[in-house]
Amino acid sequence: MELEQRVADLERRLAALEDAQRAAPQLDASDFWALNGLKEQLAQLGAADGGVLFTGAVRLPTGERYDWQHGALTDELLDDDWTRVAEPLAALGHPVRLRLLREILGGRRTAAELAELDEVGTTGQIYHHLRQLSAAGWLHTTARGRYAVPAGRVVPLLVALSAARS
């Protein structure tokens, strides 16, 4: 009897998932307003090879707000020296550095506050990671040894994280 009940429960759950999937909203042309706007801009520029755009309107847990956008033409990106971005990308390639950036965006701004966290290492290791992030442009120091993500890097950081998740 227990097996029959478990199978019945699984069948109910599967049916609920299938119903939810059928009810999911479908994308149409109006859902791509940013893409459509980019295409219009590219057409006006005569950019046959296209381009990319990333943008964001962000309010952090600290209450700070950032509105930012950046666009680039495809041919400029493909012709650029990609080695110039190796250091900023490499700096993001460490789990502790990503954690430190997240905590700094969340309001922990000093090395002492960051050292209170679990699994971020010793104070010396934290300073090493903070130096790496600063050298790559993801952090700068403000008054009294406080760290912050520069305003022009907040949205790009979140875009990079979003892109890595997709």
N, C-alpha and C. Protein backbone atom coordinates (compact mmCIF):
# COMPACT_ATOMS: atom_id res chain seq x y z
N MET A 1 0.83 -1.19 0.00
CA MET A 1 0.00 0.00 0.00
C MET A 1 0.88 1.26 0.00
N GLU A 2 1.97 1.23 0.72
CA GLU A 2 2.85 2.39 0.78
C GLU A 2 3.39 2.73 -0.61
N LEU A 3 3.77 1.74 -1.39
CA LEU A 3 4.28 1.96 -2.74
C LEU A 3 3.21 2.60 -3.61
N GLU A 4 1.98 2.14 -3.51
CA GLU A 4 0.89 2.72 -4.30
C GLU A 4 0.70 4.19 -3.95
N GLN A 5 0.81 4.53 -2.69
CA GLN A 5 0.65 5.93 -2.27
C GLN A 5 1.77 6.79 -2.82
N ARG A 6 2.99 6.28 -2.78
CA ARG A 6 4.13 7.03 -3.29
C ARG A 6 4.01 7.25 -4.79
N VAL A 7 3.57 6.24 -5.53
CA VAL A 7 3.38 6.38 -6.98
C VAL A 7 2.29 7.41 -7.26
N ALA A 8 1.20 7.36 -6.51
CA ALA A 8 0.11 8.32 -6.70
C ALA A 8 0.60 9.75 -6.42
N ASP A 9 1.40 9.92 -5.37
CA ASP A 9 1.95 11.25 -5.06
C ASP A 9 2.85 11.74 -6.19
N LEU A 10 3.70 10.86 -6.71
CA LEU A 10 4.58 11.23 -7.82
C LEU A 10 3.77 11.61 -9.06
N GLU A 11 2.71 10.87 -9.35
CA GLU A 11 1.87 11.19 -10.50
C GLU A 11 1.20 12.55 -10.33
N ARG A 12 0.73 12.87 -9.13
CA ARG A 12 0.13 14.18 -8.87
C ARG A 12 1.15 15.30 -9.07
N ARG A 13 2.35 15.09 -8.54
CA ARG A 13 3.39 16.11 -8.67
C ARG A 13 3.80 16.31 -10.13
N LEU A 14 3.90 15.24 -10.88
CA LEU A 14 4.24 15.34 -12.30
C LEU A 14 3.16 16.09 -13.06
N ALA A 15 1.91 15.79 -12.78
CA ALA A 15 0.80 16.48 -13.44
C ALA A 15 0.84 17.97 -13.12
N ALA A 16 1.14 18.32 -11.87
CA ALA A 16 1.22 19.74 -11.50
C ALA A 16 2.34 20.44 -12.24
N LEU A 17 3.49 19.77 -12.38
CA LEU A 17 4.60 20.35 -13.13
C LEU A 17 4.25 20.54 -14.60
N GLU A 18 3.61 19.55 -15.18
CA GLU A 18 3.21 19.66 -16.59
C GLU A 18 2.20 20.78 -16.79
N ASP A 19 1.25 20.94 -15.87
CA ASP A 19 0.28 22.03 -15.95
C ASP A 19 0.98 23.38 -15.85
N ALA A 20 1.93 23.49 -14.95
CA ALA A 20 2.65 24.74 -14.77
C ALA A 20 3.46 25.08 -16.02
N GLN A 21 4.03 24.06 -16.64
CA GLN A 21 4.82 24.29 -17.85
C GLN A 21 3.93 24.77 -18.99
N ARG A 22 2.74 24.18 -19.12
CA ARG A 22 1.81 24.61 -20.18
C ARG A 22 1.34 26.04 -19.94
N ALA A 23 1.25 26.46 -18.68
CA ALA A 23 0.76 27.78 -18.35
C ALA A 23 1.86 28.85 -18.39
N ALA A 24 3.10 28.46 -18.64
CA ALA A 24 4.20 29.41 -18.65
C ALA A 24 3.99 30.43 -19.77
N PRO A 25 4.34 31.69 -19.51
CA PRO A 25 4.16 32.72 -20.54
C PRO A 25 5.04 32.45 -21.75
N GLN A 26 4.52 32.80 -22.90
CA GLN A 26 5.26 32.64 -24.15
C GLN A 26 5.85 34.00 -24.55
N LEU A 27 7.07 33.99 -25.06
CA LEU A 27 7.71 35.22 -25.50
C LEU A 27 7.15 35.65 -26.85
N ASP A 28 6.95 36.94 -27.02
CA ASP A 28 6.59 37.47 -28.33
C ASP A 28 7.50 38.65 -28.62
N ALA A 29 7.29 39.33 -29.73
CA ALA A 29 8.18 40.41 -30.16
C ALA A 29 8.28 41.52 -29.11
N SER A 30 7.20 41.80 -28.37
CA SER A 30 7.24 42.88 -27.39
C SER A 30 8.15 42.56 -26.21
N ASP A 31 8.46 41.29 -25.99
CA ASP A 31 9.34 40.91 -24.90
C ASP A 31 10.81 41.21 -25.21
N PHE A 32 11.09 41.53 -26.45
CA PHE A 32 12.47 41.81 -26.87
C PHE A 32 12.67 43.29 -27.16
N TRP A 33 12.09 44.16 -26.33
CA TRP A 33 12.16 45.60 -26.56
C TRP A 33 13.59 46.11 -26.58
N ALA A 34 14.46 45.60 -25.72
CA ALA A 34 15.85 46.05 -25.72
C ALA A 34 16.56 45.60 -27.00
N LEU A 35 16.35 44.36 -27.38
CA LEU A 35 16.96 43.84 -28.60
C LEU A 35 16.45 44.59 -29.83
N ASN A 36 15.13 44.83 -29.87
CA ASN A 36 14.57 45.56 -31.01
C ASN A 36 15.13 46.98 -31.08
N GLY A 37 15.28 47.64 -29.92
CA GLY A 37 15.88 48.97 -29.89
C GLY A 37 17.33 48.96 -30.36
N LEU A 38 18.07 47.94 -29.95
CA LEU A 38 19.45 47.81 -30.40
C LEU A 38 19.51 47.63 -31.91
N LYS A 39 18.64 46.79 -32.44
CA LYS A 39 18.64 46.57 -33.90
C LYS A 39 18.35 47.86 -34.65
N GLU A 40 17.42 48.67 -34.12
CA GLU A 40 17.13 49.95 -34.77
C GLU A 40 18.34 50.86 -34.75
N GLN A 41 19.03 50.92 -33.60
CA GLN A 41 20.23 51.75 -33.50
C GLN A 41 21.32 51.26 -34.45
N LEU A 42 21.50 49.96 -34.53
CA LEU A 42 22.52 49.39 -35.42
C LEU A 42 22.20 49.70 -36.87
N ALA A 43 20.93 49.64 -37.24
CA ALA A 43 20.52 49.95 -38.62
C ALA A 43 20.83 51.41 -38.93
N GLN A 44 20.57 52.31 -37.99
CA GLN A 44 20.85 53.73 -38.20
C GLN A 44 22.34 53.99 -38.35
N LEU A 45 23.14 53.19 -37.65
CA LEU A 45 24.60 53.33 -37.74
C LEU A 45 25.18 52.62 -38.96
N GLY A 46 24.36 51.81 -39.62
CA GLY A 46 24.86 51.03 -40.75
C GLY A 46 25.80 49.93 -40.32
N ALA A 47 25.60 49.39 -39.14
CA ALA A 47 26.47 48.36 -38.58
C ALA A 47 25.95 46.99 -39.02
N ALA A 48 26.40 46.56 -40.19
CA ALA A 48 25.90 45.32 -40.78
C ALA A 48 26.25 44.08 -39.96
N ASP A 49 27.36 44.13 -39.23
CA ASP A 49 27.78 42.96 -38.45
C ASP A 49 27.14 42.91 -37.07
N GLY A 50 26.38 43.93 -36.71
CA GLY A 50 25.66 43.92 -35.45
C GLY A 50 26.47 44.48 -34.30
N GLY A 51 25.96 44.20 -33.11
CA GLY A 51 26.60 44.70 -31.90
C GLY A 51 25.97 44.09 -30.67
N VAL A 52 26.49 44.49 -29.54
CA VAL A 52 25.97 44.01 -28.26
C VAL A 52 25.67 45.21 -27.37
N LEU A 53 24.75 44.99 -26.45
CA LEU A 53 24.37 46.02 -25.50
C LEU A 53 24.13 45.36 -24.16
N PHE A 54 24.66 45.94 -23.10
CA PHE A 54 24.25 45.50 -21.78
C PHE A 54 23.95 46.72 -20.94
N THR A 55 22.95 46.54 -20.11
CA THR A 55 22.43 47.67 -19.35
C THR A 55 21.87 47.18 -18.03
N GLY A 56 21.71 48.09 -17.10
CA GLY A 56 21.12 47.70 -15.83
C GLY A 56 20.69 48.91 -15.02
N ALA A 57 19.66 48.71 -14.24
CA ALA A 57 19.19 49.67 -13.24
C ALA A 57 19.16 48.89 -11.94
N VAL A 58 20.09 49.17 -11.04
CA VAL A 58 20.35 48.32 -9.88
C VAL A 58 20.20 49.12 -8.59
N ARG A 59 19.54 48.52 -7.62
CA ARG A 59 19.56 49.05 -6.25
C ARG A 59 20.14 47.95 -5.38
N LEU A 60 21.26 48.26 -4.73
CA LEU A 60 21.94 47.28 -3.87
C LEU A 60 21.26 47.21 -2.50
N PRO A 61 21.56 46.17 -1.73
CA PRO A 61 21.00 46.07 -0.37
C PRO A 61 21.35 47.27 0.50
N THR A 62 22.42 47.99 0.16
CA THR A 62 22.83 49.17 0.92
C THR A 62 22.02 50.40 0.55
N GLY A 63 21.17 50.29 -0.47
CA GLY A 63 20.36 51.42 -0.94
C GLY A 63 20.99 52.18 -2.08
N GLU A 64 22.23 51.91 -2.40
CA GLU A 64 22.89 52.59 -3.52
C GLU A 64 22.23 52.19 -4.83
N ARG A 65 22.11 53.16 -5.73
CA ARG A 65 21.48 52.91 -7.02
C ARG A 65 22.48 53.16 -8.14
N TYR A 66 22.40 52.33 -9.18
CA TYR A 66 23.26 52.48 -10.34
C TYR A 66 22.44 52.25 -11.60
N ASP A 67 22.50 53.19 -12.52
CA ASP A 67 21.91 53.06 -13.85
C ASP A 67 23.07 53.14 -14.83
N TRP A 68 23.16 52.14 -15.71
CA TRP A 68 24.35 52.06 -16.55
C TRP A 68 24.05 51.28 -17.81
N GLN A 69 24.68 51.66 -18.90
CA GLN A 69 24.61 50.85 -20.12
C GLN A 69 25.89 51.01 -20.92
N HIS A 70 26.16 50.00 -21.71
CA HIS A 70 27.34 50.01 -22.59
C HIS A 70 27.00 49.22 -23.84
N GLY A 71 27.41 49.73 -24.97
CA GLY A 71 27.23 49.02 -26.22
C GLY A 71 28.52 49.00 -27.00
N ALA A 72 28.65 48.01 -27.85
CA ALA A 72 29.85 47.90 -28.69
C ALA A 72 29.46 47.23 -30.00
N LEU A 73 30.12 47.64 -31.06
CA LEU A 73 29.89 47.02 -32.37
C LEU A 73 30.66 45.71 -32.47
N THR A 74 30.08 44.76 -33.15
CA THR A 74 30.69 43.43 -33.28
C THR A 74 32.09 43.50 -33.86
N ASP A 75 32.25 44.26 -34.97
CA ASP A 75 33.57 44.31 -35.61
C ASP A 75 34.63 44.91 -34.69
N GLU A 76 34.26 45.90 -33.87
CA GLU A 76 35.21 46.46 -32.91
C GLU A 76 35.63 45.42 -31.87
N LEU A 77 34.65 44.66 -31.39
CA LEU A 77 34.96 43.64 -30.40
C LEU A 77 35.85 42.54 -30.97
N LEU A 78 35.54 42.09 -32.16
CA LEU A 78 36.31 41.00 -32.76
C LEU A 78 37.72 41.44 -33.15
N ASP A 79 37.88 42.73 -33.46
CA ASP A 79 39.20 43.24 -33.85
C ASP A 79 40.05 43.67 -32.65
N ASP A 80 39.45 43.78 -31.48
CA ASP A 80 40.15 44.27 -30.29
C ASP A 80 41.16 43.22 -29.79
N ASP A 81 42.09 43.68 -28.97
CA ASP A 81 43.07 42.80 -28.33
C ASP A 81 42.44 42.21 -27.08
N TRP A 82 42.00 40.97 -27.17
CA TRP A 82 41.30 40.32 -26.07
C TRP A 82 42.20 40.06 -24.87
N THR A 83 43.49 40.06 -25.05
CA THR A 83 44.38 39.80 -23.91
C THR A 83 44.30 40.91 -22.87
N ARG A 84 43.80 42.09 -23.29
CA ARG A 84 43.68 43.21 -22.34
C ARG A 84 42.65 42.92 -21.24
N VAL A 85 41.72 42.01 -21.48
CA VAL A 85 40.69 41.72 -20.48
C VAL A 85 41.00 40.45 -19.68
N ALA A 86 42.17 39.87 -19.92
CA ALA A 86 42.52 38.63 -19.21
C ALA A 86 42.61 38.86 -17.70
N GLU A 87 43.24 39.94 -17.27
CA GLU A 87 43.40 40.18 -15.83
C GLU A 87 42.06 40.41 -15.13
N PRO A 88 41.20 41.29 -15.65
CA PRO A 88 39.89 41.46 -14.99
C PRO A 88 39.07 40.18 -14.95
N LEU A 89 39.10 39.40 -16.03
CA LEU A 89 38.36 38.14 -16.03
C LEU A 89 38.97 37.13 -15.07
N ALA A 90 40.31 37.06 -15.05
CA ALA A 90 40.98 36.12 -14.14
C ALA A 90 40.70 36.46 -12.68
N ALA A 91 40.61 37.74 -12.38
CA ALA A 91 40.34 38.14 -11.00
C ALA A 91 38.99 37.64 -10.52
N LEU A 92 38.05 37.48 -11.44
CA LEU A 92 36.73 36.97 -11.08
C LEU A 92 36.70 35.45 -10.98
N GLY A 93 37.79 34.81 -11.36
CA GLY A 93 37.82 33.36 -11.44
C GLY A 93 38.15 32.64 -10.14
N HIS A 94 37.99 33.29 -9.02
CA HIS A 94 38.28 32.65 -7.73
C HIS A 94 37.04 32.77 -6.84
N PRO A 95 36.59 31.66 -6.26
CA PRO A 95 35.36 31.70 -5.45
C PRO A 95 35.42 32.67 -4.26
N VAL A 96 36.58 32.80 -3.63
CA VAL A 96 36.68 33.72 -2.49
C VAL A 96 36.56 35.16 -2.98
N ARG A 97 37.14 35.48 -4.11
CA ARG A 97 37.04 36.85 -4.64
C ARG A 97 35.60 37.18 -4.99
N LEU A 98 34.91 36.23 -5.58
CA LEU A 98 33.49 36.46 -5.88
C LEU A 98 32.70 36.68 -4.60
N ARG A 99 33.00 35.91 -3.59
CA ARG A 99 32.32 36.07 -2.30
C ARG A 99 32.61 37.44 -1.70
N LEU A 100 33.87 37.87 -1.77
CA LEU A 100 34.23 39.18 -1.23
C LEU A 100 33.50 40.29 -1.97
N LEU A 101 33.42 40.19 -3.30
CA LEU A 101 32.69 41.20 -4.07
C LEU A 101 31.22 41.23 -3.67
N ARG A 102 30.62 40.07 -3.51
CA ARG A 102 29.21 40.01 -3.11
C ARG A 102 29.01 40.66 -1.74
N GLU A 103 29.90 40.36 -0.82
CA GLU A 103 29.78 40.92 0.53
C GLU A 103 30.00 42.44 0.52
N ILE A 104 30.93 42.91 -0.29
CA ILE A 104 31.18 44.35 -0.38
C ILE A 104 29.97 45.05 -0.98
N LEU A 105 29.38 44.48 -2.03
CA LEU A 105 28.16 45.06 -2.59
C LEU A 105 27.03 45.04 -1.56
N GLY A 106 27.05 44.06 -0.67
CA GLY A 106 26.03 43.95 0.36
C GLY A 106 26.25 44.85 1.57
N GLY A 107 27.40 45.51 1.64
CA GLY A 107 27.61 46.48 2.72
C GLY A 107 28.79 46.22 3.63
N ARG A 108 29.41 45.05 3.54
CA ARG A 108 30.63 44.81 4.35
C ARG A 108 31.77 45.45 3.58
N ARG A 109 32.34 46.50 4.15
CA ARG A 109 33.27 47.30 3.36
C ARG A 109 34.72 47.28 3.85
N THR A 110 34.98 46.79 5.05
CA THR A 110 36.35 46.81 5.56
C THR A 110 36.90 45.39 5.61
N ALA A 111 38.23 45.30 5.62
CA ALA A 111 38.87 43.99 5.72
C ALA A 111 38.48 43.31 7.03
N ALA A 112 38.31 44.08 8.09
CA ALA A 112 37.92 43.49 9.38
C ALA A 112 36.53 42.86 9.28
N GLU A 113 35.59 43.53 8.62
CA GLU A 113 34.24 42.98 8.45
C GLU A 113 34.29 41.71 7.58
N LEU A 114 35.12 41.75 6.56
CA LEU A 114 35.23 40.59 5.67
C LEU A 114 35.90 39.42 6.38
N ALA A 115 36.84 39.71 7.28
CA ALA A 115 37.54 38.65 8.00
C ALA A 115 36.62 37.89 8.95
N GLU A 116 35.49 38.48 9.32
CA GLU A 116 34.52 37.82 10.21
C GLU A 116 33.75 36.71 9.49
N LEU A 117 33.80 36.68 8.17
CA LEU A 117 33.07 35.69 7.39
C LEU A 117 33.73 34.32 7.47
N ASP A 118 32.92 33.29 7.34
CA ASP A 118 33.45 31.93 7.28
C ASP A 118 33.98 31.64 5.88
N GLU A 119 35.01 30.84 5.83
CA GLU A 119 35.54 30.28 4.58
C GLU A 119 36.08 31.30 3.59
N VAL A 120 36.64 32.42 4.10
CA VAL A 120 37.30 33.36 3.21
C VAL A 120 38.80 33.42 3.45
N GLY A 121 39.28 32.68 4.43
CA GLY A 121 40.71 32.60 4.67
C GLY A 121 41.18 33.53 5.77
N THR A 122 42.48 33.60 5.89
CA THR A 122 43.10 34.45 6.91
C THR A 122 43.06 35.91 6.47
N THR A 123 43.40 36.79 7.39
CA THR A 123 43.43 38.21 7.07
C THR A 123 44.41 38.46 5.92
N GLY A 124 45.56 37.79 5.95
CA GLY A 124 46.54 37.94 4.88
C GLY A 124 46.00 37.49 3.54
N GLN A 125 45.28 36.38 3.54
CA GLN A 125 44.69 35.89 2.30
C GLN A 125 43.61 36.85 1.79
N ILE A 126 42.84 37.41 2.71
CA ILE A 126 41.81 38.36 2.32
C ILE A 126 42.45 39.58 1.67
N TYR A 127 43.51 40.10 2.28
CA TYR A 127 44.20 41.26 1.69
C TYR A 127 44.76 40.91 0.31
N HIS A 128 45.28 39.71 0.15
CA HIS A 128 45.77 39.28 -1.17
C HIS A 128 44.65 39.34 -2.20
N HIS A 129 43.49 38.79 -1.86
CA HIS A 129 42.36 38.81 -2.80
C HIS A 129 41.88 40.23 -3.07
N LEU A 130 41.84 41.06 -2.04
CA LEU A 130 41.42 42.45 -2.23
C LEU A 130 42.40 43.20 -3.15
N ARG A 131 43.69 42.92 -3.01
CA ARG A 131 44.69 43.54 -3.91
C ARG A 131 44.48 43.08 -5.34
N GLN A 132 44.20 41.78 -5.54
CA GLN A 132 43.97 41.26 -6.88
C GLN A 132 42.75 41.93 -7.52
N LEU A 133 41.67 42.05 -6.75
CA LEU A 133 40.45 42.68 -7.26
C LEU A 133 40.68 44.17 -7.54
N SER A 134 41.44 44.82 -6.70
CA SER A 134 41.74 46.24 -6.91
C SER A 134 42.61 46.44 -8.15
N ALA A 135 43.65 45.60 -8.31
CA ALA A 135 44.54 45.72 -9.46
C ALA A 135 43.78 45.50 -10.77
N ALA A 136 42.76 44.66 -10.74
CA ALA A 136 41.98 44.36 -11.94
C ALA A 136 40.85 45.36 -12.17
N GLY A 137 40.68 46.32 -11.24
CA GLY A 137 39.67 47.35 -11.41
C GLY A 137 38.30 47.03 -10.85
N TRP A 138 38.16 45.89 -10.18
CA TRP A 138 36.85 45.53 -9.62
C TRP A 138 36.59 46.18 -8.27
N LEU A 139 37.63 46.69 -7.62
CA LEU A 139 37.50 47.35 -6.33
C LEU A 139 38.37 48.60 -6.31
N HIS A 140 38.00 49.52 -5.45
CA HIS A 140 38.90 50.61 -5.08
C HIS A 140 38.70 50.88 -3.59
N THR A 141 39.69 51.54 -3.02
CA THR A 141 39.57 51.85 -1.59
C THR A 141 38.99 53.25 -1.46
N THR A 142 38.18 53.39 -0.44
CA THR A 142 37.61 54.69 -0.12
C THR A 142 38.20 55.11 1.22
N ALA A 143 37.65 56.08 1.83
CA ALA A 143 38.18 56.59 3.09
C ALA A 143 38.31 55.51 4.15
N ARG A 144 39.38 55.58 4.92
CA ARG A 144 39.62 54.73 6.08
C ARG A 144 39.61 53.23 5.79
N GLY A 145 40.24 52.83 4.71
CA GLY A 145 40.38 51.41 4.43
C GLY A 145 39.10 50.69 4.06
N ARG A 146 38.15 51.42 3.55
CA ARG A 146 36.89 50.81 3.13
C ARG A 146 37.00 50.50 1.64
N TYR A 147 36.43 49.40 1.25
CA TYR A 147 36.46 48.97 -0.15
C TYR A 147 35.09 49.17 -0.77
N ALA A 148 35.10 49.44 -2.07
CA ALA A 148 33.85 49.59 -2.82
C ALA A 148 34.08 49.14 -4.24
N VAL A 149 33.03 48.65 -4.86
CA VAL A 149 33.06 48.36 -6.29
C VAL A 149 32.83 49.70 -6.98
N PRO A 150 33.71 50.11 -7.90
CA PRO A 150 33.51 51.39 -8.57
C PRO A 150 32.15 51.43 -9.27
N ALA A 151 31.53 52.60 -9.29
CA ALA A 151 30.19 52.74 -9.86
C ALA A 151 30.11 52.18 -11.29
N GLY A 152 31.13 52.41 -12.10
CA GLY A 152 31.13 51.93 -13.47
C GLY A 152 31.36 50.44 -13.62
N ARG A 153 31.58 49.74 -12.51
CA ARG A 153 31.81 48.30 -12.54
C ARG A 153 30.68 47.49 -11.92
N VAL A 154 29.73 48.14 -11.26
CA VAL A 154 28.66 47.40 -10.58
C VAL A 154 27.82 46.63 -11.58
N VAL A 155 27.25 47.31 -12.56
CA VAL A 155 26.41 46.63 -13.55
C VAL A 155 27.22 45.65 -14.38
N PRO A 156 28.43 46.02 -14.88
CA PRO A 156 29.21 45.01 -15.62
C PRO A 156 29.50 43.75 -14.81
N LEU A 157 29.75 43.90 -13.51
CA LEU A 157 29.97 42.73 -12.66
C LEU A 157 28.72 41.85 -12.64
N LEU A 158 27.57 42.46 -12.44
CA LEU A 158 26.33 41.70 -12.41
C LEU A 158 26.00 41.09 -13.77
N VAL A 159 26.36 41.80 -14.85
CA VAL A 159 26.16 41.23 -16.19
C VAL A 159 27.06 40.03 -16.39
N ALA A 160 28.34 40.13 -15.96
CA ALA A 160 29.26 38.99 -16.09
C ALA A 160 28.75 37.79 -15.33
N LEU A 161 28.25 38.01 -14.12
CA LEU A 161 27.68 36.92 -13.33
C LEU A 161 26.46 36.33 -14.01
N SER A 162 25.61 37.19 -14.54
CA SER A 162 24.42 36.73 -15.23
C SER A 162 24.78 35.92 -16.47
N ALA A 163 25.75 36.40 -17.22
CA ALA A 163 26.19 35.70 -18.44
C ALA A 163 26.78 34.34 -18.10
N ALA A 164 27.52 34.26 -17.01
CA ALA A 164 28.13 32.99 -16.61
C ALA A 164 27.07 31.98 -16.16
N ARG A 165 25.93 32.46 -15.70
CA ARG A 165 24.87 31.57 -15.23
C ARG A 165 24.03 31.00 -16.38
N SER A 166 24.03 31.68 -17.54
CA SER A 166 23.14 31.22 -18.61
C SER A 166 23.74 30.15 -19.47
